[in-house]
Protein backbone atom coordinates (compact mmCIF):
# COMPACT_ATOMS: atom_id res chain seq x y z
CA ILE A 1 -14.51 1.88 -7.74
CA SER A 2 -12.56 0.51 -4.76
CA ASP A 3 -15.52 0.52 -2.41
CA ASN A 4 -18.49 -1.66 -1.61
CA LEU A 5 -21.16 0.72 -0.40
CA SER A 6 -23.92 -0.96 1.57
CA GLY A 7 -27.04 -1.25 -0.57
CA PHE A 8 -25.39 0.02 -3.77
CA PRO A 9 -27.40 -1.57 -6.61
CA GLY A 10 -24.74 -1.34 -9.33
CA PRO A 11 -21.60 -3.14 -10.39
CA LEU A 12 -18.34 -2.74 -8.51
CA VAL A 13 -14.73 -2.61 -9.70
CA LEU A 14 -12.38 -3.65 -6.93
CA PRO A 15 -8.59 -4.09 -7.04
CA ASP A 16 -6.84 -7.19 -5.73
CA ASN A 17 -5.17 -5.67 -2.69
CA ARG A 18 -4.52 -8.95 -0.91
CA SER A 19 -2.28 -10.75 -3.41
CA GLY A 20 -0.01 -7.75 -3.97
CA ILE A 21 0.62 -7.22 -0.27
CA THR A 22 1.06 -10.94 0.29
CA GLU A 23 3.76 -11.04 -2.37
CA ALA A 24 5.46 -7.90 -1.00
CA VAL A 25 5.61 -9.15 2.60
CA THR A 26 6.70 -12.62 1.48
CA HIS A 27 9.48 -11.04 -0.59
CA LEU A 28 10.73 -9.15 2.47
CA VAL A 29 10.58 -12.27 4.65
CA GLU A 30 12.52 -14.21 2.02
CA HIS A 31 15.22 -11.53 2.24
CA GLY A 32 15.51 -12.17 5.98
CA HIS A 33 13.33 -9.37 7.37
CA ARG A 34 11.36 -10.25 10.50
CA ARG A 35 10.54 -6.74 11.80
CA ILE A 36 8.39 -5.46 8.96
CA GLY A 37 6.33 -2.34 9.47
CA PHE A 38 3.26 -0.99 7.70
CA ALA A 39 2.68 2.69 6.99
CA GLY A 40 -0.71 3.73 5.69
CA TYR A 41 -4.10 5.29 6.26
CA PRO A 42 -6.51 2.42 6.94
CA VAL A 43 -9.57 4.67 6.97
CA GLN A 44 -9.62 4.19 3.19
CA LYS A 45 -10.97 0.74 2.24
CA ASP A 46 -8.10 -0.30 -0.06
CA ILE A 47 -5.52 0.60 2.58
CA SER A 48 -7.51 -1.24 5.25
CA GLU A 49 -7.54 -4.37 3.06
CA ARG A 50 -3.81 -4.01 2.45
CA TYR A 51 -3.13 -3.68 6.18
CA GLU A 52 -5.21 -6.79 6.93
CA ALA A 53 -3.34 -8.72 4.22
CA TYR A 54 -0.02 -7.54 5.70
CA GLN A 55 -1.01 -8.85 9.13
CA ASP A 56 -2.32 -12.16 7.74
CA THR A 57 0.83 -12.69 5.68
CA LEU A 58 3.09 -12.05 8.66
CA ARG A 59 1.10 -14.62 10.66
CA GLY A 60 1.40 -17.04 7.75
CA HIS A 61 5.18 -16.75 8.05
CA GLY A 62 5.10 -17.30 11.81
CA ILE A 63 5.57 -13.62 12.66
CA SER A 64 3.19 -11.95 15.10
CA PRO A 65 2.15 -8.50 13.87
CA ASP A 66 3.52 -5.87 16.23
CA PRO A 67 1.18 -2.88 16.69
CA ASP A 68 4.26 -0.73 17.35
CA LEU A 69 5.29 -1.32 13.72
CA PHE A 70 2.10 0.27 12.36
CA PHE A 71 2.60 3.90 11.35
CA ASN A 72 -0.61 5.80 10.59
CA THR A 73 0.09 8.27 7.81
CA GLY A 74 -3.11 10.25 8.41
CA ASN A 75 -3.66 10.55 4.65
CA ASN A 76 -2.74 8.95 1.34
CA GLN A 77 -0.38 11.72 0.25
CA GLU A 78 3.39 12.27 0.44
CA SER A 79 2.88 14.31 3.62
CA GLY A 80 1.54 11.18 5.30
CA GLY A 81 4.72 9.33 4.38
CA VAL A 82 6.71 12.16 5.94
CA LEU A 83 4.71 11.74 9.18
CA ALA A 84 5.30 7.98 9.17
CA ALA A 85 9.04 8.40 8.58
CA GLN A 86 9.26 10.93 11.41
CA ALA A 87 7.45 8.48 13.71
CA MET A 88 9.83 5.70 12.66
CA LEU A 89 12.84 7.90 13.36
CA THR A 90 11.44 8.98 16.72
CA ALA A 91 10.88 5.32 17.64
CA GLY A 92 14.52 4.53 16.81
CA MET A 93 13.81 2.73 13.52
CA PRO A 94 12.14 -0.32 15.09
CA CYS A 95 11.78 -2.20 11.80
CA THR A 96 14.16 -3.18 9.02
CA ALA A 97 11.52 -2.98 6.29
CA VAL A 98 8.20 -1.26 5.74
CA VAL A 99 5.31 -1.78 3.35
CA THR A 100 3.32 1.37 2.59
CA GLY A 101 -0.33 1.66 1.73
CA ASN A 102 0.45 3.48 -1.51
CA ASP A 103 3.28 5.01 -3.49
CA LEU A 104 2.64 8.59 -2.39
CA ASN A 105 3.13 7.57 1.24
CA ALA A 106 6.23 5.64 0.18
CA ILE A 107 7.69 8.65 -1.62
CA GLY A 108 7.32 10.92 1.41
CA LEU A 109 8.74 8.20 3.64
CA VAL A 110 11.75 7.50 1.40
CA GLU A 111 12.59 11.17 0.95
CA THR A 112 12.40 11.82 4.70
CA LEU A 113 14.47 8.78 5.70
CA THR A 114 17.06 9.57 3.04
CA ALA A 115 17.26 13.19 4.21
CA ALA A 116 17.83 11.87 7.75
CA GLY A 117 20.94 10.05 6.47
CA LEU A 118 19.63 6.51 6.18
CA ASP A 119 20.88 4.28 3.39
CA LEU A 120 17.91 2.74 1.58
CA PRO A 121 17.38 -0.13 1.16
CA GLY A 122 20.37 -1.05 3.35
CA ASP A 123 19.05 0.55 6.55
CA GLN A 124 15.37 0.25 5.65
CA ALA A 125 13.72 -1.62 2.79
CA VAL A 126 10.58 0.11 1.50
CA ILE A 127 7.84 -1.28 -0.73
CA GLY A 128 5.07 0.91 -2.11
CA PHE A 129 1.77 0.02 -3.74
CA ASP A 130 0.35 1.22 -7.09
CA ASP A 131 3.57 1.41 -9.17
CA THR A 132 2.93 5.04 -10.06
CA GLU A 133 4.99 6.99 -12.55
CA ALA A 134 6.31 9.27 -9.80
CA ALA A 135 7.65 6.26 -7.91
CA ALA A 136 9.56 5.11 -10.98
CA PHE A 137 11.74 8.22 -10.83
CA LEU A 138 12.43 8.19 -7.09
CA VAL A 139 16.06 8.04 -5.96
CA PRO A 140 16.78 5.64 -4.39
CA THR A 141 14.49 3.49 -6.48
CA LEU A 142 11.24 2.26 -4.98
CA SER A 143 9.98 -1.29 -5.25
CA SER A 144 6.23 -1.13 -5.70
CA VAL A 145 3.32 -3.49 -6.17
CA ARG A 146 1.89 -2.93 -9.64
CA GLN A 147 -1.73 -1.84 -9.56
CA PRO A 148 -3.44 -1.58 -12.95
CA LEU A 149 -5.08 1.79 -12.22
CA ALA A 150 -5.88 2.48 -15.88
CA ARG A 151 -7.55 -0.91 -16.20
CA ILE A 152 -9.58 -0.39 -13.03
CA GLY A 153 -10.82 2.97 -14.31
CA GLY A 154 -11.36 1.59 -17.81
CA ASP A 155 -13.42 -1.32 -16.50
CA ALA A 156 -15.59 1.09 -14.49
CA VAL A 157 -16.16 3.32 -17.53
CA ASP A 158 -16.96 0.27 -19.68
CA LEU A 159 -19.59 -0.88 -17.17
CA LEU A 160 -21.12 2.59 -17.06
CA LEU A 161 -21.24 2.89 -20.85
CA ARG A 162 -22.85 -0.52 -21.13
CA GLN A 163 -25.53 0.54 -18.65
CA LEU A 164 -26.13 3.82 -20.46
CA ALA A 165 -26.56 1.83 -23.68
CA GLY A 166 -29.38 -0.10 -21.99
CA GLU A 167 -27.51 -3.30 -21.21
CA THR A 168 -28.29 -5.00 -17.91
CA VAL A 169 -25.10 -5.23 -15.91
CA THR A 170 -25.05 -7.57 -12.92
CA PRO A 171 -24.66 -5.75 -9.60
CA GLY A 172 -21.82 -6.70 -7.32
């Protein structure tokens, strides 16, 4: 799930990271944002794909990605979002919007920026990724790219059960 290990002989279940990020960045551009940051941990494959899609989408809108608007969260947890928000604050809030690699990072980021006195989304628009239940209850509310996590897991289990039942499942 969410990885393509070299030489792995079995089937893979991969999310569509590119289209969600493309829609999120395009939404921000359509609302007038030009300085759009990205906060995430690109060591993880999904986050790396999301970061690449973010950069490609900016270029597609005539915006050069600015490496100073990338905030490495160091992990995929709320604590990583806290680190990114602190870096943004230290840098003087160099962007007007930020896309995060996942909702947990977004939650830590939103809570930290709000605690610092920023008005969200007025001072900083934030978009998460995964549309988790925790994000649904965040105040202020969090816009998030919907990721069908249950379906991804369900598809993986279905493939495994089919293999265990003796069915040949195409690798890849």
